[in-house]
């Protein structure tokens, strides 16, 4: 994930900062505890497409 793009994107639910997870290839929001998938190098920033994450995954 390009750093400049990561700085532009925010969580659609909370407006919080996103962190890229190289392990799962997802963008993670610690505020909403949601992980947004990246498909074909394109972040899918839809709340309905995100999965809930647990503290242990952070």
PDB file of N, CA and C in Angstrom:
ATOM      1  N   UNK A   1       0.855  -1.173   0.000  1.00  0.00           N
ATOM      2  CA  UNK A   1       0.000   0.000   0.000  1.00  0.00           C
ATOM      3  C   UNK A   1       0.900   1.234   0.000  1.00  0.00           C
ATOM      4  N   UNK A   2       0.638   2.111  -0.923  1.00  0.00           N
ATOM      5  CA  UNK A   2       1.406   3.355  -1.018  1.00  0.00           C
ATOM      6  C   UNK A   2       1.140   4.230   0.207  1.00  0.00           C
ATOM      7  N   UNK A   3       2.196   4.779   0.768  1.00  0.00           N
ATOM      8  CA  UNK A   3       2.091   5.592   1.987  1.00  0.00           C
ATOM      9  C   UNK A   3       1.225   6.836   1.775  1.00  0.00           C
ATOM     10  N   UNK A   4       1.377   7.493   0.636  1.00  0.00           N
ATOM     11  CA  UNK A   4       0.586   8.701   0.385  1.00  0.00           C
ATOM     12  C   UNK A   4      -0.911   8.380   0.310  1.00  0.00           C
ATOM     13  N   UNK A   5      -1.266   7.223  -0.267  1.00  0.00           N
ATOM     14  CA  UNK A   5      -2.665   6.827  -0.362  1.00  0.00           C
ATOM     15  C   UNK A   5      -3.212   6.483   1.022  1.00  0.00           C
ATOM     16  N   UNK A   6      -2.401   5.809   1.822  1.00  0.00           N
ATOM     17  CA  UNK A   6      -2.806   5.454   3.174  1.00  0.00           C
ATOM     18  C   UNK A   6      -3.091   6.701   4.006  1.00  0.00           C
ATOM     19  N   UNK A   7      -2.354   7.762   3.769  1.00  0.00           N
ATOM     20  CA  UNK A   7      -2.576   9.018   4.497  1.00  0.00           C
ATOM     21  C   UNK A   7      -3.859   9.729   4.063  1.00  0.00           C
ATOM     22  N   UNK A   8      -4.343   9.448   2.874  1.00  0.00           N
ATOM     23  CA  UNK A   8      -5.562  10.084   2.376  1.00  0.00           C
ATOM     24  C   UNK A   8      -6.826   9.361   2.817  1.00  0.00           C
ATOM     25  N   UNK A   9      -6.742   8.042   2.964  1.00  0.00           N
ATOM     26  CA  UNK A   9      -7.915   7.240   3.299  1.00  0.00           C
ATOM     27  C   UNK A   9      -8.224   7.278   4.788  1.00  0.00           C
ATOM     28  N   UNK A  10      -9.502   7.263   5.111  1.00  0.00           N
ATOM     29  CA  UNK A  10      -9.952   7.194   6.507  1.00  0.00           C
ATOM     30  C   UNK A  10     -11.065   6.164   6.602  1.00  0.00           C
ATOM     31  N   UNK A  11     -11.319   5.708   7.790  1.00  0.00           N
ATOM     32  CA  UNK A  11     -12.396   4.755   8.023  1.00  0.00           C
ATOM     33  C   UNK A  11     -13.734   5.426   7.719  1.00  0.00           C
ATOM     34  N   UNK A  12     -14.563   4.826   6.872  1.00  0.00           N
ATOM     35  CA  UNK A  12     -15.855   5.441   6.559  1.00  0.00           C
ATOM     36  C   UNK A  12     -16.824   5.457   7.744  1.00  0.00           C
ATOM     37  N   UNK A  13     -16.597   4.618   8.734  1.00  0.00           N
ATOM     38  CA  UNK A  13     -17.487   4.574   9.893  1.00  0.00           C
ATOM     39  C   UNK A  13     -17.133   5.635  10.934  1.00  0.00           C
ATOM     40  N   UNK A  14     -15.833   5.773  11.235  1.00  0.00           N
ATOM     41  CA  UNK A  14     -15.417   6.686  12.310  1.00  0.00           C
ATOM     42  C   UNK A  14     -14.625   7.890  11.836  1.00  0.00           C
ATOM     43  N   UNK A  15     -14.101   7.836  10.622  1.00  0.00           N
ATOM     44  CA  UNK A  15     -13.216   8.893  10.147  1.00  0.00           C
ATOM     45  C   UNK A  15     -11.820   8.744  10.712  1.00  0.00           C
ATOM     46  N   UNK A  16     -11.572   7.605  11.350  1.00  0.00           N
ATOM     47  CA  UNK A  16     -10.276   7.360  11.986  1.00  0.00           C
ATOM     48  C   UNK A  16      -9.201   6.936  11.004  1.00  0.00           C
ATOM     49  N   UNK A  17      -7.976   6.978  11.492  1.00  0.00           N
ATOM     50  CA  UNK A  17      -6.801   6.615  10.708  1.00  0.00           C
ATOM     51  C   UNK A  17      -6.786   5.109  10.450  1.00  0.00           C
ATOM     52  N   UNK A  18      -6.270   4.735   9.278  1.00  0.00           N
ATOM     53  CA  UNK A  18      -6.162   3.341   8.896  1.00  0.00           C
ATOM     54  C   UNK A  18      -4.704   2.904   8.922  1.00  0.00           C
ATOM     55  N   UNK A  19      -4.501   1.640   9.265  1.00  0.00           N
ATOM     56  CA  UNK A  19      -3.172   1.054   9.295  1.00  0.00           C
ATOM     57  C   UNK A  19      -3.179  -0.140   8.351  1.00  0.00           C
ATOM     58  N   UNK A  20      -2.140  -0.240   7.528  1.00  0.00           N
ATOM     59  CA  UNK A  20      -2.058  -1.353   6.584  1.00  0.00           C
ATOM     60  C   UNK A  20      -1.495  -2.582   7.278  1.00  0.00           C
ATOM     61  N   UNK A  21      -2.168  -3.716   7.095  1.00  0.00           N
ATOM     62  CA  UNK A  21      -1.683  -4.995   7.610  1.00  0.00           C
ATOM     63  C   UNK A  21      -1.121  -5.794   6.450  1.00  0.00           C
ATOM     64  N   UNK A  22       0.186  -5.958   6.447  1.00  0.00           N
ATOM     65  CA  UNK A  22       0.855  -6.723   5.406  1.00  0.00           C
ATOM     66  C   UNK A  22       0.481  -8.200   5.507  1.00  0.00           C
ATOM     67  N   UNK A  23       0.239  -8.658   6.716  1.00  0.00           N
ATOM     68  CA  UNK A  23      -0.086 -10.063   6.965  1.00  0.00           C
ATOM     69  C   UNK A  23      -1.408 -10.462   6.311  1.00  0.00           C
ATOM     70  N   UNK A  24      -2.433  -9.610   6.444  1.00  0.00           N
ATOM     71  CA  UNK A  24      -3.760  -9.940   5.923  1.00  0.00           C
ATOM     72  C   UNK A  24      -4.131  -9.150   4.669  1.00  0.00           C
ATOM     73  N   UNK A  25      -3.285  -8.205   4.259  1.00  0.00           N
ATOM     74  CA  UNK A  25      -3.545  -7.329   3.118  1.00  0.00           C
ATOM     75  C   UNK A  25      -4.885  -6.619   3.294  1.00  0.00           C
ATOM     76  N   UNK A  26      -5.008  -5.959   4.443  1.00  0.00           N
ATOM     77  CA  UNK A  26      -6.221  -5.210   4.781  1.00  0.00           C
ATOM     78  C   UNK A  26      -5.830  -3.865   5.375  1.00  0.00           C
ATOM     79  N   UNK A  27      -6.788  -2.950   5.367  1.00  0.00           N
ATOM     80  CA  UNK A  27      -6.637  -1.680   6.058  1.00  0.00           C
ATOM     81  C   UNK A  27      -7.438  -1.779   7.343  1.00  0.00           C
ATOM     82  N   UNK A  28      -6.793  -1.514   8.468  1.00  0.00           N
ATOM     83  CA  UNK A  28      -7.406  -1.708   9.774  1.00  0.00           C
ATOM     84  C   UNK A  28      -7.637  -0.374  10.465  1.00  0.00           C
ATOM     85  N   UNK A  29      -8.834  -0.239  11.025  1.00  0.00           N
ATOM     86  CA  UNK A  29      -9.175   0.925  11.842  1.00  0.00           C
ATOM     87  C   UNK A  29      -9.294   0.449  13.288  1.00  0.00           C
ATOM     88  N   UNK A  30      -8.439   0.989  14.161  1.00  0.00           N
ATOM     89  CA  UNK A  30      -8.446   0.587  15.567  1.00  0.00           C
ATOM     90  C   UNK A  30      -9.650   1.159  16.313  1.00  0.00           C
ATOM     91  N   UNK A  31     -10.187   2.271  15.842  1.00  0.00           N
ATOM     92  CA  UNK A  31     -11.343   2.892  16.500  1.00  0.00           C
ATOM     93  C   UNK A  31     -12.617   2.074  16.296  1.00  0.00           C
ATOM     94  N   UNK A  32     -12.879   1.676  15.066  1.00  0.00           N
ATOM     95  CA  UNK A  32     -14.100   0.932  14.762  1.00  0.00           C
ATOM     96  C   UNK A  32     -13.911  -0.579  14.877  1.00  0.00           C
ATOM     97  N   UNK A  33     -12.651  -1.015  14.979  1.00  0.00           N
ATOM     98  CA  UNK A  33     -12.305  -2.440  15.024  1.00  0.00           C
ATOM     99  C   UNK A  33     -12.803  -3.163  13.776  1.00  0.00           C
ATOM    100  N   UNK A  34     -12.595  -2.493  12.624  1.00  0.00           N
ATOM    101  CA  UNK A  34     -12.966  -3.064  11.332  1.00  0.00           C
ATOM    102  C   UNK A  34     -11.725  -3.179  10.446  1.00  0.00           C
ATOM    103  N   UNK A  35     -11.719  -4.206   9.618  1.00  0.00           N
ATOM    104  CA  UNK A  35     -10.648  -4.415   8.646  1.00  0.00           C
ATOM    105  C   UNK A  35     -11.259  -4.385   7.251  1.00  0.00           C
ATOM    106  N   UNK A  36     -10.755  -3.495   6.428  1.00  0.00           N
ATOM    107  CA  UNK A  36     -11.255  -3.326   5.065  1.00  0.00           C
ATOM    108  C   UNK A  36     -10.345  -4.080   4.097  1.00  0.00           C
ATOM    109  N   UNK A  37     -10.915  -4.945   3.255  1.00  0.00           N
ATOM    110  CA  UNK A  37     -10.088  -5.745   2.351  1.00  0.00           C
ATOM    111  C   UNK A  37      -9.512  -4.928   1.203  1.00  0.00           C
ATOM    112  N   UNK A  38      -8.434  -5.439   0.648  1.00  0.00           N
ATOM    113  CA  UNK A  38      -7.841  -4.869  -0.559  1.00  0.00           C
ATOM    114  C   UNK A  38      -7.945  -5.941  -1.624  1.00  0.00           C
ATOM    115  N   UNK A  39      -8.672  -5.639  -2.691  1.00  0.00           N
ATOM    116  CA  UNK A  39      -8.878  -6.603  -3.775  1.00  0.00           C
ATOM    117  C   UNK A  39      -8.319  -6.037  -5.069  1.00  0.00           C
ATOM    118  N   UNK A  40      -7.451  -6.798  -5.709  1.00  0.00           N
ATOM    119  CA  UNK A  40      -6.802  -6.358  -6.953  1.00  0.00           C
ATOM    120  C   UNK A  40      -6.112  -5.012  -6.766  1.00  0.00           C
ATOM    121  N   UNK A  41      -5.481  -4.841  -5.596  1.00  0.00           N
ATOM    122  CA  UNK A  41      -4.734  -3.626  -5.229  1.00  0.00           C
ATOM    123  C   UNK A  41      -5.623  -2.405  -5.018  1.00  0.00           C
ATOM    124  N   UNK A  42      -6.938  -2.624  -4.858  1.00  0.00           N
ATOM    125  CA  UNK A  42      -7.881  -1.526  -4.637  1.00  0.00           C
ATOM    126  C   UNK A  42      -8.561  -1.722  -3.284  1.00  0.00           C
ATOM    127  N   UNK A  43      -8.432  -0.745  -2.366  1.00  0.00           N
ATOM    128  CA  UNK A  43      -9.106  -0.853  -1.072  1.00  0.00           C
ATOM    129  C   UNK A  43     -10.625  -0.796  -1.237  1.00  0.00           C
ATOM    130  N   UNK A  44     -11.318  -1.732  -0.615  1.00  0.00           N
ATOM    131  CA  UNK A  44     -12.780  -1.758  -0.640  1.00  0.00           C
ATOM    132  C   UNK A  44     -13.249  -1.082   0.648  1.00  0.00           C
ATOM    133  N   UNK A  45     -13.596   0.194   0.549  1.00  0.00           N
ATOM    134  CA  UNK A  45     -13.913   1.007   1.714  1.00  0.00           C
ATOM    135  C   UNK A  45     -15.416   1.068   1.994  1.00  0.00           C
ATOM    136  N   UNK A  46     -16.037  -0.089   2.009  1.00  0.00           N
ATOM    137  CA  UNK A  46     -17.457  -0.201   2.307  1.00  0.00           C
ATOM    138  C   UNK A  46     -17.613  -0.884   3.666  1.00  0.00           C
ATOM    139  N   UNK A  47     -18.410  -0.298   4.527  1.00  0.00           N
ATOM    140  CA  UNK A  47     -18.605  -0.867   5.866  1.00  0.00           C
ATOM    141  C   UNK A  47     -19.150  -2.288   5.766  1.00  0.00           C
ATOM    142  N   UNK A  48     -20.038  -2.519   4.823  1.00  0.00           N
ATOM    143  CA  UNK A  48     -20.616  -3.858   4.652  1.00  0.00           C
ATOM    144  C   UNK A  48     -19.593  -4.901   4.198  1.00  0.00           C
ATOM    145  N   UNK A  49     -18.504  -4.458   3.591  1.00  0.00           N
ATOM    146  CA  UNK A  49     -17.463  -5.382   3.128  1.00  0.00           C
ATOM    147  C   UNK A  49     -16.381  -5.614   4.170  1.00  0.00           C
ATOM    148  N   UNK A  50     -16.377  -4.814   5.209  1.00  0.00           N
ATOM    149  CA  UNK A  50     -15.349  -4.922   6.250  1.00  0.00           C
ATOM    150  C   UNK A  50     -15.676  -6.076   7.202  1.00  0.00           C
ATOM    151  N   UNK A  51     -14.634  -6.584   7.833  1.00  0.00           N
ATOM    152  CA  UNK A  51     -14.853  -7.627   8.847  1.00  0.00           C
ATOM    153  C   UNK A  51     -14.464  -7.066  10.204  1.00  0.00           C
ATOM    154  N   UNK A  52     -15.162  -7.527  11.219  1.00  0.00           N
ATOM    155  CA  UNK A  52     -14.851  -7.118  12.582  1.00  0.00           C
ATOM    156  C   UNK A  52     -13.594  -7.834  13.043  1.00  0.00           C
ATOM    157  N   UNK A  53     -12.744  -7.111  13.748  1.00  0.00           N
ATOM    158  CA  UNK A  53     -11.522  -7.712  14.264  1.00  0.00           C
ATOM    159  C   UNK A  53     -11.527  -7.684  15.788  1.00  0.00           C
ATOM    160  N   UNK A  54     -10.661  -8.495  16.365  1.00  0.00           N
ATOM    161  CA  UNK A  54     -10.543  -8.582  17.814  1.00  0.00           C
ATOM    162  C   UNK A  54      -9.231  -7.932  18.252  1.00  0.00           C
ATOM    163  N   UNK A  55      -9.138  -7.574  19.515  1.00  0.00           N
ATOM    164  CA  UNK A  55      -7.938  -6.953  20.071  1.00  0.00           C
ATOM    165  C   UNK A  55      -6.683  -7.764  19.751  1.00  0.00           C
ATOM    166  N   UNK A  56      -6.792  -9.073  19.771  1.00  0.00           N
ATOM    167  CA  UNK A  56      -5.625  -9.934  19.534  1.00  0.00           C
ATOM    168  C   UNK A  56      -5.057  -9.779  18.115  1.00  0.00           C
ATOM    169  N   UNK A  57      -5.855  -9.265  17.194  1.00  0.00           N
ATOM    170  CA  UNK A  57      -5.394  -9.080  15.814  1.00  0.00           C
ATOM    171  C   UNK A  57      -4.638  -7.771  15.609  1.00  0.00           C
ATOM    172  N   UNK A  58      -4.703  -6.885  16.579  1.00  0.00           N
ATOM    173  CA  UNK A  58      -4.005  -5.609  16.445  1.00  0.00           C
ATOM    174  C   UNK A  58      -2.577  -5.818  16.743  1.00  0.00           C
TER     175      UNK A  58
END
